[in-house]
Amino acid sequence: MYLLNKGENTQNGQGSIIYKGKDKEKLGKVSYVVEGETSKLSGTDDETEGKINLNGSCSGCSTQSSNAPFHVTIKWNGKEDKFDLTSK
């Protein structure tokens, strides 16, 4: 889930990536990329405990259009998952 609040030339987003499988304490290093139409969040975390918090903001920037998806890539323990976050 990612909640995006937009102004005319500002946007603030926050959300999280939550691992739903078993053995979340054995995930190891988790890398993620959340790429939008005008912005990109990425990082790597060794101690996720099954959850990564996402925060991004900008001022004086181009903003994400309401119908454009965010493309998400997550890598952990030799595995990879890709999906799109779309507006509700």
PDB file of N, CA and C in Angstrom:
ATOM      1  N   MET A   1       0.840  -1.172   0.000  1.00  0.00           N
ATOM      2  CA  MET A   1       0.000   0.000   0.000  1.00  0.00           C
ATOM      3  C   MET A   1       0.885   1.236   0.000  1.00  0.00           C
ATOM      4  N   TYR A   2       0.515   2.220  -0.783  1.00  0.00           N
ATOM      5  CA  TYR A   2       1.242   3.482  -0.857  1.00  0.00           C
ATOM      6  C   TYR A   2       0.228   4.595  -1.007  1.00  0.00           C
ATOM      7  N   LEU A   3       0.213   5.514  -0.056  1.00  0.00           N
ATOM      8  CA  LEU A   3      -0.729   6.628  -0.061  1.00  0.00           C
ATOM      9  C   LEU A   3      -0.003   7.857  -0.579  1.00  0.00           C
ATOM     10  N   LEU A   4      -0.542   8.466  -1.634  1.00  0.00           N
ATOM     11  CA  LEU A   4       0.088   9.619  -2.268  1.00  0.00           C
ATOM     12  C   LEU A   4      -0.819  10.832  -2.156  1.00  0.00           C
ATOM     13  N   ASN A   5      -0.322  11.888  -1.518  1.00  0.00           N
ATOM     14  CA  ASN A   5      -1.034  13.155  -1.423  1.00  0.00           C
ATOM     15  C   ASN A   5      -0.355  14.142  -2.353  1.00  0.00           C
ATOM     16  N   LYS A   6      -1.145  14.775  -3.243  1.00  0.00           N
ATOM     17  CA  LYS A   6      -0.567  15.658  -4.245  1.00  0.00           C
ATOM     18  C   LYS A   6      -1.139  17.056  -4.145  1.00  0.00           C
ATOM     19  N   GLY A   7      -0.273  18.026  -4.418  1.00  0.00           N
ATOM     20  CA  GLY A   7      -0.664  19.412  -4.617  1.00  0.00           C
ATOM     21  C   GLY A   7      -0.340  19.748  -6.067  1.00  0.00           C
ATOM     22  N   GLU A   8      -0.377  21.015  -6.397  1.00  0.00           N
ATOM     23  CA  GLU A   8      -0.108  21.419  -7.775  1.00  0.00           C
ATOM     24  C   GLU A   8       1.319  21.061  -8.206  1.00  0.00           C
ATOM     25  N   ASN A   9       2.292  21.312  -7.349  1.00  0.00           N
ATOM     26  CA  ASN A   9       3.670  20.952  -7.680  1.00  0.00           C
ATOM     27  C   ASN A   9       4.398  20.351  -6.469  1.00  0.00           C
ATOM     28  N   THR A  10       3.635  19.646  -5.631  1.00  0.00           N
ATOM     29  CA  THR A  10       4.203  18.921  -4.497  1.00  0.00           C
ATOM     30  C   THR A  10       3.552  17.550  -4.420  1.00  0.00           C
ATOM     31  N   GLN A  11       4.269  16.610  -3.847  1.00  0.00           N
ATOM     32  CA  GLN A  11       3.657  15.324  -3.538  1.00  0.00           C
ATOM     33  C   GLN A  11       4.375  14.701  -2.355  1.00  0.00           C
ATOM     34  N   ASN A  12       3.597  14.032  -1.524  1.00  0.00           N
ATOM     35  CA  ASN A  12       4.104  13.333  -0.349  1.00  0.00           C
ATOM     36  C   ASN A  12       3.514  11.930  -0.372  1.00  0.00           C
ATOM     37  N   GLY A  13       4.376  10.950  -0.286  1.00  0.00           N
ATOM     38  CA  GLY A  13       3.907   9.574  -0.294  1.00  0.00           C
ATOM     39  C   GLY A  13       4.456   8.802   0.880  1.00  0.00           C
ATOM     40  N   GLN A  14       3.651   7.892   1.388  1.00  0.00           N
ATOM     41  CA  GLN A  14       4.112   6.993   2.425  1.00  0.00           C
ATOM     42  C   GLN A  14       3.339   5.694   2.340  1.00  0.00           C
ATOM     43  N   GLY A  15       4.017   4.645   2.706  1.00  0.00           N
ATOM     44  CA  GLY A  15       3.405   3.331   2.661  1.00  0.00           C
ATOM     45  C   GLY A  15       4.372   2.298   3.181  1.00  0.00           C
ATOM     46  N   SER A  16       4.105   1.036   2.870  1.00  0.00           N
ATOM     47  CA  SER A  16       4.981  -0.029   3.329  1.00  0.00           C
ATOM     48  C   SER A  16       4.870  -1.234   2.414  1.00  0.00           C
ATOM     49  N   ILE A  17       5.934  -2.009   2.429  1.00  0.00           N
ATOM     50  CA  ILE A  17       5.975  -3.306   1.766  1.00  0.00           C
ATOM     51  C   ILE A  17       6.016  -4.327   2.887  1.00  0.00           C
ATOM     52  N   ILE A  18       5.055  -5.243   2.903  1.00  0.00           N
ATOM     53  CA  ILE A  18       4.946  -6.224   3.981  1.00  0.00           C
ATOM     54  C   ILE A  18       5.056  -7.634   3.409  1.00  0.00           C
ATOM     55  N   TYR A  19       5.968  -8.420   3.957  1.00  0.00           N
ATOM     56  CA  TYR A  19       6.146  -9.814   3.560  1.00  0.00           C
ATOM     57  C   TYR A  19       5.058 -10.663   4.207  1.00  0.00           C
ATOM     58  N   LYS A  20       4.313 -11.418   3.400  1.00  0.00           N
ATOM     59  CA  LYS A  20       3.176 -12.192   3.908  1.00  0.00           C
ATOM     60  C   LYS A  20       3.494 -13.674   4.110  1.00  0.00           C
ATOM     61  N   GLY A  21       4.705 -14.099   3.741  1.00  0.00           N
ATOM     62  CA  GLY A  21       5.074 -15.512   3.852  1.00  0.00           C
ATOM     63  C   GLY A  21       5.536 -15.900   5.245  1.00  0.00           C
ATOM     64  N   LYS A  22       5.975 -17.159   5.367  1.00  0.00           N
ATOM     65  CA  LYS A  22       6.494 -17.682   6.632  1.00  0.00           C
ATOM     66  C   LYS A  22       7.967 -17.316   6.769  1.00  0.00           C
ATOM     67  N   ASP A  23       8.498 -17.457   7.965  1.00  0.00           N
ATOM     68  CA  ASP A  23       9.919 -17.255   8.252  1.00  0.00           C
ATOM     69  C   ASP A  23      10.418 -15.869   7.868  1.00  0.00           C
ATOM     70  N   LYS A  24       9.683 -14.841   8.239  1.00  0.00           N
ATOM     71  CA  LYS A  24      10.097 -13.487   7.881  1.00  0.00           C
ATOM     72  C   LYS A  24      11.430 -13.102   8.512  1.00  0.00           C
ATOM     73  N   GLU A  25      11.810 -13.775   9.600  1.00  0.00           N
ATOM     74  CA  GLU A  25      13.093 -13.480  10.229  1.00  0.00           C
ATOM     75  C   GLU A  25      14.271 -14.023   9.412  1.00  0.00           C
ATOM     76  N   LYS A  26      13.996 -14.830   8.379  1.00  0.00           N
ATOM     77  CA  LYS A  26      15.052 -15.401   7.538  1.00  0.00           C
ATOM     78  C   LYS A  26      15.119 -14.756   6.154  1.00  0.00           C
ATOM     79  N   LEU A  27      14.548 -13.580   5.995  1.00  0.00           N
ATOM     80  CA  LEU A  27      14.528 -12.917   4.688  1.00  0.00           C
ATOM     81  C   LEU A  27      15.917 -12.498   4.229  1.00  0.00           C
ATOM     82  N   GLY A  28      16.783 -12.132   5.142  1.00  0.00           N
ATOM     83  CA  GLY A  28      18.094 -11.629   4.765  1.00  0.00           C
ATOM     84  C   GLY A  28      17.985 -10.228   4.192  1.00  0.00           C
ATOM     85  N   LYS A  29      18.922  -9.896   3.304  1.00  0.00           N
ATOM     86  CA  LYS A  29      18.940  -8.567   2.708  1.00  0.00           C
ATOM     87  C   LYS A  29      17.793  -8.429   1.707  1.00  0.00           C
ATOM     88  N   VAL A  30      17.029  -7.349   1.840  1.00  0.00           N
ATOM     89  CA  VAL A  30      15.906  -7.071   0.948  1.00  0.00           C
ATOM     90  C   VAL A  30      16.197  -5.768   0.207  1.00  0.00           C
ATOM     91  N   SER A  31      16.118  -5.822  -1.126  1.00  0.00           N
ATOM     92  CA  SER A  31      16.290  -4.637  -1.958  1.00  0.00           C
ATOM     93  C   SER A  31      14.965  -4.318  -2.627  1.00  0.00           C
ATOM     94  N   TYR A  32      14.670  -3.036  -2.788  1.00  0.00           N
ATOM     95  CA  TYR A  32      13.413  -2.651  -3.419  1.00  0.00           C
ATOM     96  C   TYR A  32      13.617  -1.424  -4.296  1.00  0.00           C
ATOM     97  N   VAL A  33      12.777  -1.343  -5.327  1.00  0.00           N
ATOM     98  CA  VAL A  33      12.696  -0.171  -6.187  1.00  0.00           C
ATOM     99  C   VAL A  33      11.213   0.089  -6.425  1.00  0.00           C
ATOM    100  N   VAL A  34      10.761   1.307  -6.152  1.00  0.00           N
ATOM    101  CA  VAL A  34       9.397   1.737  -6.437  1.00  0.00           C
ATOM    102  C   VAL A  34       9.538   2.903  -7.399  1.00  0.00           C
ATOM    103  N   GLU A  35       9.185   2.661  -8.655  1.00  0.00           N
ATOM    104  CA  GLU A  35       9.418   3.656  -9.692  1.00  0.00           C
ATOM    105  C   GLU A  35       8.094   4.183 -10.218  1.00  0.00           C
ATOM    106  N   GLY A  36       7.923   5.489 -10.074  1.00  0.00           N
ATOM    107  CA  GLY A  36       6.729   6.149 -10.559  1.00  0.00           C
ATOM    108  C   GLY A  36       7.002   6.888 -11.849  1.00  0.00           C
ATOM    109  N   GLU A  37       6.022   7.603 -12.287  1.00  0.00           N
ATOM    110  CA  GLU A  37       6.109   8.368 -13.521  1.00  0.00           C
ATOM    111  C   GLU A  37       7.149   9.487 -13.415  1.00  0.00           C
ATOM    112  N   THR A  38       7.287  10.063 -12.235  1.00  0.00           N
ATOM    113  CA  THR A  38       8.193  11.208 -12.052  1.00  0.00           C
ATOM    114  C   THR A  38       9.177  11.026 -10.908  1.00  0.00           C
ATOM    115  N   SER A  39       9.141   9.901 -10.208  1.00  0.00           N
ATOM    116  CA  SER A  39      10.015   9.716  -9.054  1.00  0.00           C
ATOM    117  C   SER A  39      10.392   8.251  -8.879  1.00  0.00           C
ATOM    118  N   LYS A  40      11.404   8.026  -8.037  1.00  0.00           N
ATOM    119  CA  LYS A  40      11.881   6.666  -7.787  1.00  0.00           C
ATOM    120  C   LYS A  40      12.362   6.568  -6.346  1.00  0.00           C
ATOM    121  N   LEU A  41      11.908   5.538  -5.635  1.00  0.00           N
ATOM    122  CA  LEU A  41      12.382   5.218  -4.298  1.00  0.00           C
ATOM    123  C   LEU A  41      13.109   3.893  -4.380  1.00  0.00           C
ATOM    124  N   SER A  42      14.262   3.782  -3.748  1.00  0.00           N
ATOM    125  CA  SER A  42      14.970   2.507  -3.740  1.00  0.00           C
ATOM    126  C   SER A  42      15.781   2.393  -2.471  1.00  0.00           C
ATOM    127  N   GLY A  43      16.121   1.175  -2.124  1.00  0.00           N
ATOM    128  CA  GLY A  43      16.925   0.962  -0.935  1.00  0.00           C
ATOM    129  C   GLY A  43      17.186  -0.503  -0.695  1.00  0.00           C
ATOM    130  N   THR A  44      18.014  -0.759   0.304  1.00  0.00           N
ATOM    131  CA  THR A  44      18.346  -2.113   0.737  1.00  0.00           C
ATOM    132  C   THR A  44      18.317  -2.121   2.253  1.00  0.00           C
ATOM    133  N   ASP A  45      17.743  -3.172   2.821  1.00  0.00           N
ATOM    134  CA  ASP A  45      17.634  -3.261   4.271  1.00  0.00           C
ATOM    135  C   ASP A  45      17.949  -4.687   4.708  1.00  0.00           C
ATOM    136  N   ASP A  46      18.805  -4.838   5.713  1.00  0.00           N
ATOM    137  CA  ASP A  46      19.148  -6.165   6.242  1.00  0.00           C
ATOM    138  C   ASP A  46      18.231  -6.612   7.364  1.00  0.00           C
ATOM    139  N   GLU A  47      17.622  -5.681   8.065  1.00  0.00           N
ATOM    140  CA  GLU A  47      16.789  -5.999   9.225  1.00  0.00           C
ATOM    141  C   GLU A  47      15.364  -5.508   8.996  1.00  0.00           C
ATOM    142  N   THR A  48      14.630  -6.163   8.116  1.00  0.00           N
ATOM    143  CA  THR A  48      13.288  -5.685   7.774  1.00  0.00           C
ATOM    144  C   THR A  48      12.211  -6.173   8.737  1.00  0.00           C
ATOM    145  N   GLU A  49      12.421  -7.320   9.371  1.00  0.00           N
ATOM    146  CA  GLU A  49      11.399  -7.965  10.197  1.00  0.00           C
ATOM    147  C   GLU A  49      10.095  -8.115   9.421  1.00  0.00           C
ATOM    148  N   GLY A  50      10.204  -8.253   8.096  1.00  0.00           N
ATOM    149  CA  GLY A  50       9.042  -8.472   7.248  1.00  0.00           C
ATOM    150  C   GLY A  50       8.340  -7.213   6.792  1.00  0.00           C
ATOM    151  N   LYS A  51       8.888  -6.027   7.109  1.00  0.00           N
ATOM    152  CA  LYS A  51       8.221  -4.788   6.727  1.00  0.00           C
ATOM    153  C   LYS A  51       9.252  -3.718   6.381  1.00  0.00           C
ATOM    154  N   ILE A  52       9.018  -3.031   5.260  1.00  0.00           N
ATOM    155  CA  ILE A  52       9.841  -1.898   4.858  1.00  0.00           C
ATOM    156  C   ILE A  52       8.920  -0.692   4.737  1.00  0.00           C
ATOM    157  N   ASN A  53       9.273   0.390   5.419  1.00  0.00           N
ATOM    158  CA  ASN A  53       8.495   1.620   5.330  1.00  0.00           C
ATOM    159  C   ASN A  53       9.005   2.475   4.181  1.00  0.00           C
ATOM    160  N   LEU A  54       8.087   3.030   3.418  1.00  0.00           N
ATOM    161  CA  LEU A  54       8.415   3.872   2.271  1.00  0.00           C
ATOM    162  C   LEU A  54       7.953   5.294   2.540  1.00  0.00           C
ATOM    163  N   ASN A  55       8.827   6.250   2.306  1.00  0.00           N
ATOM    164  CA  ASN A  55       8.488   7.659   2.454  1.00  0.00           C
ATOM    165  C   ASN A  55       9.165   8.438   1.338  1.00  0.00           C
ATOM    166  N   GLY A  56       8.415   9.268   0.662  1.00  0.00           N
ATOM    167  CA  GLY A  56       8.980  10.101  -0.387  1.00  0.00           C
ATOM    168  C   GLY A  56       8.202  11.388  -0.516  1.00  0.00           C
ATOM    169  N   SER A  57       8.913  12.477  -0.778  1.00  0.00           N
ATOM    170  CA  SER A  57       8.232  13.751  -0.970  1.00  0.00           C
ATOM    171  C   SER A  57       9.070  14.646  -1.866  1.00  0.00           C
ATOM    172  N   CYS A  58       8.412  15.601  -2.479  1.00  0.00           N
ATOM    173  CA  CYS A  58       9.122  16.599  -3.270  1.00  0.00           C
ATOM    174  C   CYS A  58       8.285  17.867  -3.311  1.00  0.00           C
ATOM    175  N   SER A  59       8.966  18.971  -3.541  1.00  0.00           N
ATOM    176  CA  SER A  59       8.326  20.263  -3.660  1.00  0.00           C
ATOM    177  C   SER A  59       8.903  20.945  -4.893  1.00  0.00           C
ATOM    178  N   GLY A  60       8.056  21.601  -5.676  1.00  0.00           N
ATOM    179  CA  GLY A  60       8.509  22.212  -6.918  1.00  0.00           C
ATOM    180  C   GLY A  60       8.821  21.168  -7.965  1.00  0.00           C
ATOM    181  N   CYS A  61       8.095  20.074  -7.944  1.00  0.00           N
ATOM    182  CA  CYS A  61       8.398  18.944  -8.818  1.00  0.00           C
ATOM    183  C   CYS A  61       7.202  18.589  -9.705  1.00  0.00           C
ATOM    184  N   SER A  62       7.460  17.780 -10.707  1.00  0.00           N
ATOM    185  CA  SER A  62       6.378  17.191 -11.495  1.00  0.00           C
ATOM    186  C   SER A  62       5.750  16.103 -10.643  1.00  0.00           C
ATOM    187  N   THR A  63       4.441  15.958 -10.714  1.00  0.00           N
ATOM    188  CA  THR A  63       3.759  14.977  -9.878  1.00  0.00           C
ATOM    189  C   THR A  63       3.244  13.810 -10.698  1.00  0.00           C
ATOM    190  N   GLN A  64       3.031  12.710 -10.024  1.00  0.00           N
ATOM    191  CA  GLN A  64       2.501  11.488 -10.613  1.00  0.00           C
ATOM    192  C   GLN A  64       1.061  11.730 -11.053  1.00  0.00           C
ATOM    193  N   SER A  65       0.713  11.338 -12.278  1.00  0.00           N
ATOM    194  CA  SER A  65      -0.686  11.459 -12.686  1.00  0.00           C
ATOM    195  C   SER A  65      -1.506  10.370 -11.997  1.00  0.00           C
ATOM    196  N   SER A  66      -2.765  10.635 -11.776  1.00  0.00           N
ATOM    197  CA  SER A  66      -3.620   9.759 -10.981  1.00  0.00           C
ATOM    198  C   SER A  66      -3.766   8.355 -11.548  1.00  0.00           C
ATOM    199  N   ASN A  67      -3.687   8.194 -12.860  1.00  0.00           N
ATOM    200  CA  ASN A  67      -3.904   6.869 -13.439  1.00  0.00           C
ATOM    201  C   ASN A  67      -2.604   6.136 -13.767  1.00  0.00           C
ATOM    202  N   ALA A  68      -1.447   6.747 -13.511  1.00  0.00           N
ATOM    203  CA  ALA A  68      -0.160   6.105 -13.796  1.00  0.00           C
ATOM    204  C   ALA A  68       0.216   5.163 -12.652  1.00  0.00           C
ATOM    205  N   PRO A  69       0.628   3.928 -12.944  1.00  0.00           N
ATOM    206  CA  PRO A  69       1.013   2.995 -11.878  1.00  0.00           C
ATOM    207  C   PRO A  69       2.424   3.260 -11.365  1.00  0.00           C
ATOM    208  N   PHE A  70       2.711   2.762 -10.183  1.00  0.00           N
ATOM    209  CA  PHE A  70       4.070   2.663  -9.665  1.00  0.00           C
ATOM    210  C   PHE A  70       4.540   1.245  -9.960  1.00  0.00           C
ATOM    211  N   HIS A  71       5.738   1.092 -10.500  1.00  0.00           N
ATOM    212  CA  HIS A  71       6.315  -0.224 -10.792  1.00  0.00           C
ATOM    213  C   HIS A  71       7.216  -0.612  -9.616  1.00  0.00           C
ATOM    214  N   VAL A  72       6.954  -1.768  -9.030  1.00  0.00           N
ATOM    215  CA  VAL A  72       7.664  -2.208  -7.829  1.00  0.00           C
ATOM    216  C   VAL A  72       8.468  -3.462  -8.143  1.00  0.00           C
ATOM    217  N   THR A  73       9.733  -3.470  -7.719  1.00  0.00           N
ATOM    218  CA  THR A  73      10.593  -4.654  -7.807  1.00  0.00           C
ATOM    219  C   THR A  73      11.178  -4.891  -6.423  1.00  0.00           C
ATOM    220  N   ILE A  74      11.040  -6.118  -5.924  1.00  0.00           N
ATOM    221  CA  ILE A  74      11.566  -6.493  -4.615  1.00  0.00           C
ATOM    222  C   ILE A  74      12.433  -7.731  -4.803  1.00  0.00           C
ATOM    223  N   LYS A  75      13.637  -7.713  -4.216  1.00  0.00           N
ATOM    224  CA  LYS A  75      14.551  -8.862  -4.283  1.00  0.00           C
ATOM    225  C   LYS A  75      14.934  -9.260  -2.860  1.00  0.00           C
ATOM    226  N   TRP A  76      14.889 -10.566  -2.597  1.00  0.00           N
ATOM    227  CA  TRP A  76      15.283 -11.084  -1.288  1.00  0.00           C
ATOM    228  C   TRP A  76      15.690 -12.538  -1.438  1.00  0.00           C
ATOM    229  N   ASN A  77      16.699 -12.938  -0.726  1.00  0.00           N
ATOM    230  CA  ASN A  77      17.088 -14.343  -0.606  1.00  0.00           C
ATOM    231  C   ASN A  77      17.141 -15.061  -1.956  1.00  0.00           C
ATOM    232  N   GLY A  78      17.662 -14.412  -2.993  1.00  0.00           N
ATOM    233  CA  GLY A  78      17.754 -15.011  -4.324  1.00  0.00           C
ATOM    234  C   GLY A  78      16.456 -15.022  -5.098  1.00  0.00           C
ATOM    235  N   LYS A  79      15.416 -14.381  -4.587  1.00  0.00           N
ATOM    236  CA  LYS A  79      14.111 -14.346  -5.257  1.00  0.00           C
ATOM    237  C   LYS A  79      13.794 -12.920  -5.679  1.00  0.00           C
ATOM    238  N   GLU A  80      12.861 -12.791  -6.607  1.00  0.00           N
ATOM    239  CA  GLU A  80      12.453 -11.473  -7.088  1.00  0.00           C
ATOM    240  C   GLU A  80      10.959 -11.476  -7.357  1.00  0.00           C
ATOM    241  N   ASP A  81      10.314 -10.369  -7.035  1.00  0.00           N
ATOM    242  CA  ASP A  81       8.895 -10.197  -7.334  1.00  0.00           C
ATOM    243  C   ASP A  81       8.714  -8.817  -7.947  1.00  0.00           C
ATOM    244  N   LYS A  82       7.886  -8.738  -8.992  1.00  0.00           N
ATOM    245  CA  LYS A  82       7.580  -7.472  -9.645  1.00  0.00           C
ATOM    246  C   LYS A  82       6.070  -7.333  -9.743  1.00  0.00           C
ATOM    247  N   PHE A  83       5.578  -6.124  -9.488  1.00  0.00           N
ATOM    248  CA  PHE A  83       4.155  -5.853  -9.641  1.00  0.00           C
ATOM    249  C   PHE A  83       3.944  -4.366  -9.783  1.00  0.00           C
ATOM    250  N   ASP A  84       2.761  -3.978 -10.177  1.00  0.00           N
ATOM    251  CA  ASP A  84       2.393  -2.573 -10.303  1.00  0.00           C
ATOM    252  C   ASP A  84       1.406  -2.180  -9.226  1.00  0.00           C
ATOM    253  N   LEU A  85       1.591  -1.004  -8.653  1.00  0.00           N
ATOM    254  CA  LEU A  85       0.617  -0.404  -7.741  1.00  0.00           C
ATOM    255  C   LEU A  85      -0.223   0.561  -8.550  1.00  0.00           C
ATOM    256  N   THR A  86      -1.525   0.354  -8.553  1.00  0.00           N
ATOM    257  CA  THR A  86      -2.406   1.220  -9.317  1.00  0.00           C
ATOM    258  C   THR A  86      -3.341   1.974  -8.380  1.00  0.00           C
ATOM    259  N   SER A  87      -3.880   3.064  -8.859  1.00  0.00           N
ATOM    260  CA  SER A  87      -4.773   3.906  -8.086  1.00  0.00           C
ATOM    261  C   SER A  87      -6.111   3.226  -7.857  1.00  0.00           C
ATOM    262  N   LYS A  88      -6.678   3.443  -6.681  1.00  0.00           N
ATOM    263  CA  LYS A  88      -8.027   2.925  -6.386  1.00  0.00           C
ATOM    264  C   LYS A  88      -9.026   4.041  -6.448  1.00  0.00           C
TER     265      LYS A  88
END
